[in-house]
Amino acid sequence: MPPIAKKYGRVPLPFIETNHVRPLSIWTALLNRNYVHPELRAITYAVGDEMNRKYPGTVINYMDANFPFRDGFPLLPHISHNDGRKLDVAFHYIDKTTGKHSNGNPSPIGYGGSEPPRKGEPDRPSRCTSNWQYSFMYGWMPLSDKLAFDQVRTQDMINAFIKQKGIKTLYLEPHLKKRLHLTSKKIRLHACYSVRHDDHVHVQL
C-alpha cells in the first residue's frame, strides 16, 4: 500500500510506536486506515515528542486517519476522512489504582468511551438526539472502569496540536472545550449528523 499511497501524497502512520506515536488498535493500521498527508504525520510526531518530553513515557494513540487512495474515497463511517488531512487522536487517562499516567484507553478502539457533560457545562449531546449517528458509539461499547480521564495531559496535547501552524481545525465537544479551558478559534463546532467528539479529538490540516 505505501507505493499506492505515495502516488496520492499520503504516508502511513506507524504500526508500532515511533516518535512516541502508535495506533490505539493495531487493526487501524492492518486495515489501512492509518494514512495521512506527510505534513500531518510530521505534526503528530512533533506533538508526540513534545508530550513525551513533558510527561516521560507518554505516547500519542492515534485512531482513524484515512485510506491510502485518491481524495474523496470514503472511510466509513466517517464523513470527512477522505483526503489524508484528518486524524482522530485519543484522549489521555490515569490509572485509578495507582494514580499514575496510563497510555491505555477505556475503549478497545478508542471510540465510545465518552466523557459526557457535567452539570453546568454545554450539553450538546442532548440537543442532537434526533440524529441517531451522533451518539451511536455511546452506551454499548464495553469499557474498562480502571481508567479516569486525564484532564491535564489531554489539555496539553490539544494545545500542542493547536500551536502547530499546519493545523487549521479541531473538533471537540463544547463541554470539553469549556472544561479544558480551551479558547482557540481553531476548535470548531461540528454538525449533529457527525459523531460526537467527547471520546477523541479530531485534528486536520
Protein backbone atom coordinates (compact mmCIF):
# COMPACT_ATOMS: atom_id res chain seq x y z
CA MET A 1 0.00 0.00 0.00
CA PRO A 2 2.75 2.59 0.69
CA PRO A 3 3.66 2.91 -3.04
CA ILE A 4 -0.02 3.42 -3.88
CA ALA A 5 -0.37 5.93 -1.08
CA LYS A 6 2.71 7.83 -2.26
CA LYS A 7 1.02 8.37 -5.61
CA TYR A 8 -1.78 10.18 -3.79
CA GLY A 9 0.51 12.15 -1.49
CA ARG A 10 -0.03 10.07 1.64
CA VAL A 11 2.21 8.25 4.08
CA PRO A 12 1.37 5.68 6.76
CA LEU A 13 1.34 6.38 10.45
CA PRO A 14 3.39 3.71 12.27
CA PHE A 15 2.33 0.14 13.07
CA ILE A 16 4.46 0.21 16.24
CA GLU A 17 5.46 3.09 18.50
CA THR A 18 7.53 5.61 16.55
CA ASN A 19 8.36 9.10 17.80
CA HIS A 20 6.01 8.35 20.71
CA VAL A 21 3.09 7.76 18.32
CA ARG A 22 1.26 4.46 17.89
CA PRO A 23 -2.13 3.09 16.83
CA LEU A 24 -4.56 2.63 19.69
CA SER A 25 -5.71 -0.54 17.93
CA ILE A 26 -3.37 -2.42 15.60
CA TRP A 27 -6.43 -3.10 13.41
CA THR A 28 -6.41 0.56 12.38
CA ALA A 29 -3.06 0.00 10.68
CA LEU A 30 -3.81 -3.50 9.44
CA LEU A 31 -6.94 -2.24 7.71
CA ASN A 32 -5.01 0.62 6.07
CA ARG A 33 -6.97 3.30 7.95
CA ASN A 34 -3.71 4.98 9.01
CA TYR A 35 -2.69 7.12 6.02
CA VAL A 36 -2.18 10.87 6.18
CA HIS A 37 -0.56 13.76 4.36
CA PRO A 38 3.20 13.90 5.19
CA GLU A 39 2.74 17.23 6.97
CA LEU A 40 0.12 15.75 9.29
CA ARG A 41 2.42 12.84 10.17
CA ALA A 42 5.27 15.25 10.92
CA ILE A 43 2.98 17.33 13.14
CA THR A 44 1.75 14.25 15.00
CA TYR A 45 5.34 13.13 15.59
CA ALA A 46 6.22 16.62 16.85
CA VAL A 47 3.30 16.54 19.31
CA GLY A 48 4.30 13.03 20.40
CA ASP A 49 7.85 14.19 21.09
CA GLU A 50 6.64 17.25 22.98
CA MET A 51 4.24 15.27 25.17
CA ASN A 52 6.90 12.66 25.94
CA ARG A 53 9.39 15.33 26.97
CA LYS A 54 6.84 16.90 29.30
CA TYR A 55 5.40 13.62 30.56
CA PRO A 56 8.05 10.88 30.14
CA GLY A 57 6.57 7.63 28.90
CA THR A 58 3.55 9.28 27.30
CA VAL A 59 2.57 8.27 23.78
CA ILE A 60 0.01 9.62 21.33
CA ASN A 61 -2.58 6.96 20.50
CA TYR A 62 -4.00 7.63 17.07
CA MET A 63 -7.32 6.28 15.84
CA ASP A 64 -8.83 6.54 12.36
CA ALA A 65 -6.97 8.59 9.76
CA ASN A 66 -7.61 7.98 6.04
CA PHE A 67 -7.30 5.25 3.40
CA PRO A 68 -4.27 5.38 1.06
CA PHE A 69 -6.41 6.04 -2.00
CA ARG A 70 -7.49 9.06 -4.02
CA ASP A 71 -9.17 12.10 -2.48
CA GLY A 72 -12.86 11.50 -1.97
CA PHE A 73 -12.53 7.78 -1.25
CA PRO A 74 -14.70 7.37 1.88
CA LEU A 75 -13.54 6.00 5.22
CA LEU A 76 -16.82 4.79 6.64
CA PRO A 77 -18.48 5.65 8.94
CA HIS A 78 -16.67 8.99 8.85
CA ILE A 79 -17.95 11.85 6.76
CA SER A 80 -14.72 13.75 6.08
CA HIS A 81 -11.77 11.35 6.46
CA ASN A 82 -11.22 11.12 2.72
CA ASP A 83 -8.29 13.34 1.74
CA GLY A 84 -5.36 12.45 4.01
CA ARG A 85 -5.73 15.64 6.02
CA LYS A 86 -7.74 14.32 9.00
CA LEU A 87 -6.81 12.31 12.07
CA ASP A 88 -8.62 11.23 15.23
CA VAL A 89 -6.48 11.21 18.37
CA ALA A 90 -7.36 9.52 21.67
CA PHE A 91 -7.54 11.31 24.98
CA HIS A 92 -5.16 10.57 27.86
CA TYR A 93 -6.11 8.67 31.01
CA ILE A 94 -4.96 7.94 34.55
CA ASP A 95 -4.82 4.53 36.20
CA LYS A 96 -7.34 4.73 39.04
CA THR A 97 -5.47 2.16 41.12
CA THR A 98 -2.01 3.71 41.00
CA GLY A 99 -2.92 7.32 40.21
CA LYS A 100 -0.21 7.29 37.54
CA HIS A 101 -0.36 8.25 33.89
CA SER A 102 -1.59 5.50 31.60
CA ASN A 103 -1.28 5.02 27.86
CA GLY A 104 -4.35 2.81 27.89
CA ASN A 105 -7.88 3.63 26.84
CA PRO A 106 -11.21 2.56 28.35
CA SER A 107 -12.44 1.52 24.88
CA PRO A 108 -10.71 -1.18 22.83
CA ILE A 109 -10.94 1.04 19.75
CA GLY A 110 -10.96 4.48 21.39
CA TYR A 111 -14.48 5.33 20.24
CA GLY A 112 -17.41 5.05 22.62
CA GLY A 113 -15.61 5.92 25.85
CA SER A 114 -17.15 9.37 26.04
CA GLU A 115 -16.62 11.98 28.74
CA PRO A 116 -20.21 13.29 28.94
CA PRO A 117 -21.23 16.79 30.01
CA ARG A 118 -21.29 17.68 33.68
CA LYS A 119 -23.80 19.93 35.39
CA GLY A 120 -23.28 23.49 34.23
CA GLU A 121 -21.49 22.52 31.01
CA PRO A 122 -22.93 22.84 27.49
CA ASP A 123 -24.98 19.69 26.81
CA ARG A 124 -24.88 19.30 23.06
CA PRO A 125 -25.47 15.51 23.08
CA SER A 126 -28.97 16.08 24.48
CA ARG A 127 -29.69 18.51 21.63
CA CYS A 128 -28.61 16.10 18.91
CA THR A 129 -30.86 13.18 19.85
CA SER A 130 -32.77 13.36 16.58
CA ASN A 131 -29.61 12.33 14.72
CA TRP A 132 -29.06 8.64 15.50
CA GLN A 133 -25.47 8.61 14.32
CA TYR A 134 -24.38 11.35 16.73
CA SER A 135 -24.22 9.00 19.73
CA PHE A 136 -24.32 5.61 18.02
CA MET A 137 -20.99 4.55 19.62
CA TYR A 138 -22.06 5.72 23.07
CA GLY A 139 -23.51 3.45 25.73
CA TRP A 140 -22.88 -0.03 24.31
CA MET A 141 -19.10 -0.26 23.85
CA PRO A 142 -17.51 -2.48 26.57
CA LEU A 143 -15.39 -0.09 28.62
CA SER A 144 -12.74 -0.54 31.28
CA ASP A 145 -13.58 1.01 34.66
CA LYS A 146 -9.90 1.16 35.66
CA LEU A 147 -9.10 4.43 33.90
CA ALA A 148 -10.06 8.04 34.59
CA PHE A 149 -9.96 10.95 32.14
CA ASP A 150 -6.63 12.79 32.38
CA GLN A 151 -7.69 16.39 32.01
CA VAL A 152 -4.21 17.89 32.32
CA ARG A 153 -2.41 15.80 29.73
CA THR A 154 -5.35 15.90 27.32
CA GLN A 155 -5.46 19.69 27.59
CA ASP A 156 -1.71 19.93 26.95
CA MET A 157 -1.91 17.56 23.99
CA ILE A 158 -4.73 19.52 22.34
CA ASN A 159 -2.86 22.78 22.92
CA ALA A 160 0.24 21.21 21.34
CA PHE A 161 -1.79 20.46 18.20
CA ILE A 162 -3.36 23.94 18.26
CA LYS A 163 0.00 25.71 18.23
CA GLN A 164 1.11 23.80 15.13
CA LYS A 165 0.66 26.23 12.23
CA GLY A 166 -0.35 23.47 9.86
CA ILE A 167 -3.37 22.51 11.94
CA LYS A 168 -6.36 24.54 10.80
CA THR A 169 -9.32 22.84 12.54
CA LEU A 170 -10.04 20.67 15.57
CA TYR A 171 -13.39 19.15 16.54
CA LEU A 172 -14.17 18.75 20.23
CA GLU A 173 -17.46 18.82 22.12
CA PRO A 174 -18.26 22.25 23.66
CA HIS A 175 -18.45 20.85 27.19
CA LEU A 176 -14.87 19.59 26.97
CA LYS A 177 -13.70 22.81 25.36
CA LYS A 178 -15.07 24.62 28.41
CA ARG A 179 -13.75 22.07 30.93
CA LEU A 180 -10.26 22.14 29.45
CA HIS A 181 -10.23 25.96 29.25
CA LEU A 182 -9.55 25.95 25.52
CA THR A 183 -10.16 29.23 23.71
CA SER A 184 -8.58 28.76 20.28
CA LYS A 185 -10.71 29.65 17.28
CA LYS A 186 -9.31 26.55 15.58
CA ILE A 187 -11.71 24.46 17.68
CA ARG A 188 -14.88 24.29 15.63
CA LEU A 189 -18.43 23.08 16.23
CA HIS A 190 -19.42 20.13 14.06
CA ALA A 191 -22.91 19.27 12.92
CA CYS A 192 -25.25 16.81 14.64
CA TYR A 193 -25.04 14.48 11.66
CA SER A 194 -21.43 13.82 12.64
CA VAL A 195 -20.42 11.60 15.59
CA ARG A 196 -19.85 13.12 18.99
CA HIS A 197 -16.34 14.23 19.86
CA ASP A 198 -16.07 13.65 23.60
CA ASP A 199 -14.10 10.41 23.31
CA HIS A 200 -11.40 11.80 20.99
CA VAL A 201 -10.23 14.98 19.30
CA HIS A 202 -10.33 15.35 15.51
CA VAL A 203 -7.41 17.31 14.04
CA GLN A 204 -6.98 18.35 10.43
CA LEU A 205 -4.77 20.39 8.14
